[in-house]
C-alpha atoms as a PDB file:
ATOM      1  CA  UNK A   1      20.295 -10.093   6.165  1.00  0.00           C
ATOM      2  CA  UNK A   2      16.810  -8.974   5.389  1.00  0.00           C
ATOM      3  CA  UNK A   3      14.984 -10.029   2.248  1.00  0.00           C
ATOM      4  CA  UNK A   4      14.662  -7.497  -0.525  1.00  0.00           C
ATOM      5  CA  UNK A   5      11.411  -5.578  -0.653  1.00  0.00           C
ATOM      6  CA  UNK A   6       9.786  -5.122  -4.071  1.00  0.00           C
ATOM      7  CA  UNK A   7       7.101  -2.466  -4.079  1.00  0.00           C
ATOM      8  CA  UNK A   8       4.360  -2.923  -6.738  1.00  0.00           C
ATOM      9  CA  UNK A   9       2.270   0.075  -7.549  1.00  0.00           C
ATOM     10  CA  UNK A  10      -1.238  -0.018  -8.970  1.00  0.00           C
ATOM     11  CA  UNK A  11      -3.633   2.658 -10.166  1.00  0.00           C
ATOM     12  CA  UNK A  12      -5.277   3.452  -6.848  1.00  0.00           C
ATOM     13  CA  UNK A  13      -5.309   7.240  -6.166  1.00  0.00           C
ATOM     14  CA  UNK A  14      -4.986   6.429  -2.455  1.00  0.00           C
ATOM     15  CA  UNK A  15      -1.547   4.860  -2.726  1.00  0.00           C
ATOM     16  CA  UNK A  16       0.387   8.177  -2.580  1.00  0.00           C
ATOM     17  CA  UNK A  17      -1.874   9.830  -0.041  1.00  0.00           C
ATOM     18  CA  UNK A  18      -2.207   6.908   2.406  1.00  0.00           C
ATOM     19  CA  UNK A  19       1.326   5.652   1.730  1.00  0.00           C
ATOM     20  CA  UNK A  20       0.933   2.051   0.594  1.00  0.00           C
ATOM     21  CA  UNK A  21       1.751  -0.256  -2.322  1.00  0.00           C
ATOM     22  CA  UNK A  22      -0.753  -2.357  -4.231  1.00  0.00           C
ATOM     23  CA  UNK A  23       1.471  -5.334  -3.366  1.00  0.00           C
ATOM     24  CA  UNK A  24       4.647  -5.887  -1.607  1.00  0.00           C
ATOM     25  CA  UNK A  25       6.985  -8.819  -2.224  1.00  0.00           C
ATOM     26  CA  UNK A  26       9.329  -9.699   0.603  1.00  0.00           C
ATOM     27  CA  UNK A  27      11.496 -12.674  -0.301  1.00  0.00           C
ATOM     28  CA  UNK A  28       9.076 -15.381  -1.416  1.00  0.00           C
ATOM     29  CA  UNK A  29       6.018 -13.802   0.141  1.00  0.00           C
ATOM     30  CA  UNK A  30       3.642 -11.406  -1.634  1.00  0.00           C
ATOM     31  CA  UNK A  31       1.089  -9.291   0.239  1.00  0.00           C
ATOM     32  CA  UNK A  32      -1.665  -7.623  -1.796  1.00  0.00           C
ATOM     33  CA  UNK A  33      -3.339  -4.680  -0.173  1.00  0.00           C
ATOM     34  CA  UNK A  34      -7.025  -4.276   0.263  1.00  0.00           C
ATOM     35  CA  UNK A  35      -8.289  -3.958  -3.361  1.00  0.00           C
ATOM     36  CA  UNK A  36     -11.404  -2.159  -4.274  1.00  0.00           C
ATOM     37  CA  UNK A  37     -13.412  -2.763  -7.479  1.00  0.00           C
ATOM     38  CA  UNK A  38     -12.486   0.299  -9.568  1.00  0.00           C
ATOM     39  CA  UNK A  39     -12.291   0.244 -13.286  1.00  0.00           C
ATOM     40  CA  UNK A  40      -9.736   2.375 -15.245  1.00  0.00           C
ATOM     41  CA  UNK A  41     -12.425   5.058 -15.924  1.00  0.00           C
ATOM     42  CA  UNK A  42     -13.251   5.261 -12.206  1.00  0.00           C
ATOM     43  CA  UNK A  43     -16.679   3.620 -12.582  1.00  0.00           C
ATOM     44  CA  UNK A  44     -17.964   0.972 -10.164  1.00  0.00           C
ATOM     45  CA  UNK A  45     -21.000  -1.077 -11.115  1.00  0.00           C
ATOM     46  CA  UNK A  46     -23.257  -1.978  -8.225  1.00  0.00           C
ATOM     47  CA  UNK A  47     -23.242  -5.796  -8.850  1.00  0.00           C
ATOM     48  CA  UNK A  48     -21.314  -7.703  -6.204  1.00  0.00           C
ATOM     49  CA  UNK A  49     -20.161 -10.446  -8.701  1.00  0.00           C
ATOM     50  CA  UNK A  50     -18.774  -7.916 -11.075  1.00  0.00           C
ATOM     51  CA  UNK A  51     -17.067  -5.963  -8.308  1.00  0.00           C
ATOM     52  CA  UNK A  52     -15.446  -9.221  -6.971  1.00  0.00           C
ATOM     53  CA  UNK A  53     -14.204 -10.180 -10.441  1.00  0.00           C
ATOM     54  CA  UNK A  54     -12.637  -6.727 -10.808  1.00  0.00           C
ATOM     55  CA  UNK A  55     -10.927  -6.962  -7.430  1.00  0.00           C
ATOM     56  CA  UNK A  56      -9.351 -10.285  -8.463  1.00  0.00           C
ATOM     57  CA  UNK A  57      -8.246  -8.830 -11.858  1.00  0.00           C
ATOM     58  CA  UNK A  58      -6.420  -6.207 -10.014  1.00  0.00           C
ATOM     59  CA  UNK A  59      -4.944  -8.643  -7.588  1.00  0.00           C
ATOM     60  CA  UNK A  60      -3.879 -10.997 -10.306  1.00  0.00           C
ATOM     61  CA  UNK A  61      -2.112  -8.111 -12.219  1.00  0.00           C
ATOM     62  CA  UNK A  62      -0.176  -7.301  -9.003  1.00  0.00           C
ATOM     63  CA  UNK A  63       0.679 -10.875  -8.320  1.00  0.00           C
ATOM     64  CA  UNK A  64       2.014 -11.355 -11.874  1.00  0.00           C
ATOM     65  CA  UNK A  65       4.160  -8.295 -11.450  1.00  0.00           C
ATOM     66  CA  UNK A  66       5.545  -9.873  -8.309  1.00  0.00           C
ATOM     67  CA  UNK A  67       6.445 -13.075 -10.262  1.00  0.00           C
ATOM     68  CA  UNK A  68       3.543 -15.233  -9.205  1.00  0.00           C
ATOM     69  CA  UNK A  69      -0.211 -15.835  -9.859  1.00  0.00           C
ATOM     70  CA  UNK A  70      -3.408 -16.920  -8.208  1.00  0.00           C
ATOM     71  CA  UNK A  71      -2.118 -20.459  -7.962  1.00  0.00           C
ATOM     72  CA  UNK A  72       0.338 -19.425  -5.197  1.00  0.00           C
ATOM     73  CA  UNK A  73      -2.321 -17.558  -3.109  1.00  0.00           C
ATOM     74  CA  UNK A  74      -2.247 -18.884   0.436  1.00  0.00           C
ATOM     75  CA  UNK A  75      -4.774 -16.454   2.097  1.00  0.00           C
ATOM     76  CA  UNK A  76      -7.576 -14.214   1.009  1.00  0.00           C
ATOM     77  CA  UNK A  77      -9.745 -11.789   3.004  1.00  0.00           C
ATOM     78  CA  UNK A  78     -13.019 -10.498   1.652  1.00  0.00           C
ATOM     79  CA  UNK A  79     -14.780  -7.590   3.160  1.00  0.00           C
ATOM     80  CA  UNK A  80     -18.450  -7.131   2.192  1.00  0.00           C
ATOM     81  CA  UNK A  81     -20.947  -4.482   3.208  1.00  0.00           C
ATOM     82  CA  UNK A  82     -24.036  -6.685   3.338  1.00  0.00           C
ATOM     83  CA  UNK A  83     -24.429 -10.394   4.122  1.00  0.00           C
ATOM     84  CA  UNK A  84     -26.666 -10.615   1.033  1.00  0.00           C
ATOM     85  CA  UNK A  85     -23.439 -10.197  -1.059  1.00  0.00           C
ATOM     86  CA  UNK A  86     -21.839 -13.295   0.359  1.00  0.00           C
ATOM     87  CA  UNK A  87     -23.226 -15.790  -2.254  1.00  0.00           C
ATOM     88  CA  UNK A  88     -22.031 -13.698  -5.240  1.00  0.00           C
ATOM     89  CA  UNK A  89     -18.601 -12.985  -3.683  1.00  0.00           C
ATOM     90  CA  UNK A  90     -18.137 -16.515  -2.517  1.00  0.00           C
ATOM     91  CA  UNK A  91     -19.098 -17.917  -5.959  1.00  0.00           C
ATOM     92  CA  UNK A  92     -16.353 -15.936  -7.671  1.00  0.00           C
ATOM     93  CA  UNK A  93     -13.871 -16.925  -5.038  1.00  0.00           C
ATOM     94  CA  UNK A  94     -14.903 -20.495  -5.403  1.00  0.00           C
ATOM     95  CA  UNK A  95     -14.559 -20.334  -9.171  1.00  0.00           C
ATOM     96  CA  UNK A  96     -11.030 -18.992  -8.913  1.00  0.00           C
ATOM     97  CA  UNK A  97      -9.769 -20.999  -5.971  1.00  0.00           C
ATOM     98  CA  UNK A  98     -11.602 -24.302  -5.960  1.00  0.00           C
ATOM     99  CA  UNK A  99      -8.411 -26.308  -6.593  1.00  0.00           C
ATOM    100  CA  UNK A 100      -6.156 -23.900  -4.683  1.00  0.00           C
ATOM    101  CA  UNK A 101      -8.182 -23.663  -1.481  1.00  0.00           C
ATOM    102  CA  UNK A 102      -6.340 -20.914   0.286  1.00  0.00           C
ATOM    103  CA  UNK A 103      -7.204 -19.908   3.915  1.00  0.00           C
ATOM    104  CA  UNK A 104     -10.068 -17.466   3.464  1.00  0.00           C
ATOM    105  CA  UNK A 105     -12.059 -15.060   5.562  1.00  0.00           C
ATOM    106  CA  UNK A 106     -15.179 -13.106   4.656  1.00  0.00           C
ATOM    107  CA  UNK A 107     -16.211 -10.331   7.037  1.00  0.00           C
ATOM    108  CA  UNK A 108     -19.292  -8.066   6.941  1.00  0.00           C
ATOM    109  CA  UNK A 109     -18.308  -4.470   7.595  1.00  0.00           C
ATOM    110  CA  UNK A 110     -20.163  -1.282   8.130  1.00  0.00           C
ATOM    111  CA  UNK A 111     -18.670   0.347   5.071  1.00  0.00           C
ATOM    112  CA  UNK A 112     -15.636   0.595   2.772  1.00  0.00           C
ATOM    113  CA  UNK A 113     -13.525   3.582   1.700  1.00  0.00           C
ATOM    114  CA  UNK A 114     -15.701   4.241  -1.323  1.00  0.00           C
ATOM    115  CA  UNK A 115     -19.451   4.083  -0.726  1.00  0.00           C
ATOM    116  CA  UNK A 116     -19.948   2.492  -4.202  1.00  0.00           C
ATOM    117  CA  UNK A 117     -17.982  -0.574  -3.221  1.00  0.00           C
ATOM    118  CA  UNK A 118     -19.786  -3.572  -1.817  1.00  0.00           C
ATOM    119  CA  UNK A 119     -16.598  -5.762  -1.632  1.00  0.00           C
ATOM    120  CA  UNK A 120     -12.849  -5.236  -0.998  1.00  0.00           C
ATOM    121  CA  UNK A 121     -10.312  -8.168  -1.181  1.00  0.00           C
ATOM    122  CA  UNK A 122      -6.830  -8.753   0.155  1.00  0.00           C
ATOM    123  CA  UNK A 123      -4.591 -11.653  -0.773  1.00  0.00           C
ATOM    124  CA  UNK A 124      -1.271 -13.165   0.254  1.00  0.00           C
ATOM    125  CA  UNK A 125       0.915 -15.600  -1.747  1.00  0.00           C
ATOM    126  CA  UNK A 126       4.051 -17.619  -1.243  1.00  0.00           C
ATOM    127  CA  UNK A 127       5.976 -18.111  -4.499  1.00  0.00           C
ATOM    128  CA  UNK A 128       6.252 -21.749  -5.522  1.00  0.00           C
ATOM    129  CA  UNK A 129       3.582 -22.922  -3.060  1.00  0.00           C
ATOM    130  CA  UNK A 130       0.835 -23.553  -5.637  1.00  0.00           C
ATOM    131  CA  UNK A 131       0.609 -25.260  -9.011  1.00  0.00           C
ATOM    132  CA  UNK A 132       3.257 -27.950  -9.436  1.00  0.00           C
ATOM    133  CA  UNK A 133       3.891 -28.283  -5.756  1.00  0.00           C
ATOM    134  CA  UNK A 134       0.925 -30.413  -4.694  1.00  0.00           C
ATOM    135  CA  UNK A 135      -1.573 -27.553  -4.161  1.00  0.00           C
ATOM    136  CA  UNK A 136      -5.099 -28.277  -5.193  1.00  0.00           C
ATOM    137  CA  UNK A 137      -4.490 -32.050  -5.394  1.00  0.00           C
ATOM    138  CA  UNK A 138      -7.283 -32.756  -2.917  1.00  0.00           C
ATOM    139  CA  UNK A 139      -4.923 -34.984  -0.910  1.00  0.00           C
ATOM    140  CA  UNK A 140      -4.983 -32.814   2.180  1.00  0.00           C
ATOM    141  CA  UNK A 141      -6.974 -33.680   5.281  1.00  0.00           C
ATOM    142  CA  UNK A 142     -10.006 -31.698   6.305  1.00  0.00           C
END
């Protein structure tokens, strides 16, 4: 028997044309698609920190709809268009995930779908794997 698939929609205009969901929950796993920093009025400020915060706001909304939150995130992927953005993007990630410490990747890419974006973020979570289950306790080995 296959686990049920819960499709979670967002506000991206690309969902229908490309054929994807903002997030997909399969059993206890949640996969959040690449998330660009778009505000409801379709604006995008040029600041990498603000863009990263917006990406994680959208991701958090999708995770909550799937029945989880940032505490259950097990992997993140950050795509940036310039290595100069790494400190700002990394600082936001560190602020949100210092205790959670998911597996994380940051990659410099030639460009993103919207030329205004300097960052795009993906996330994966496993329900029940975070807060209250020993995550972030600092007891793991490095």
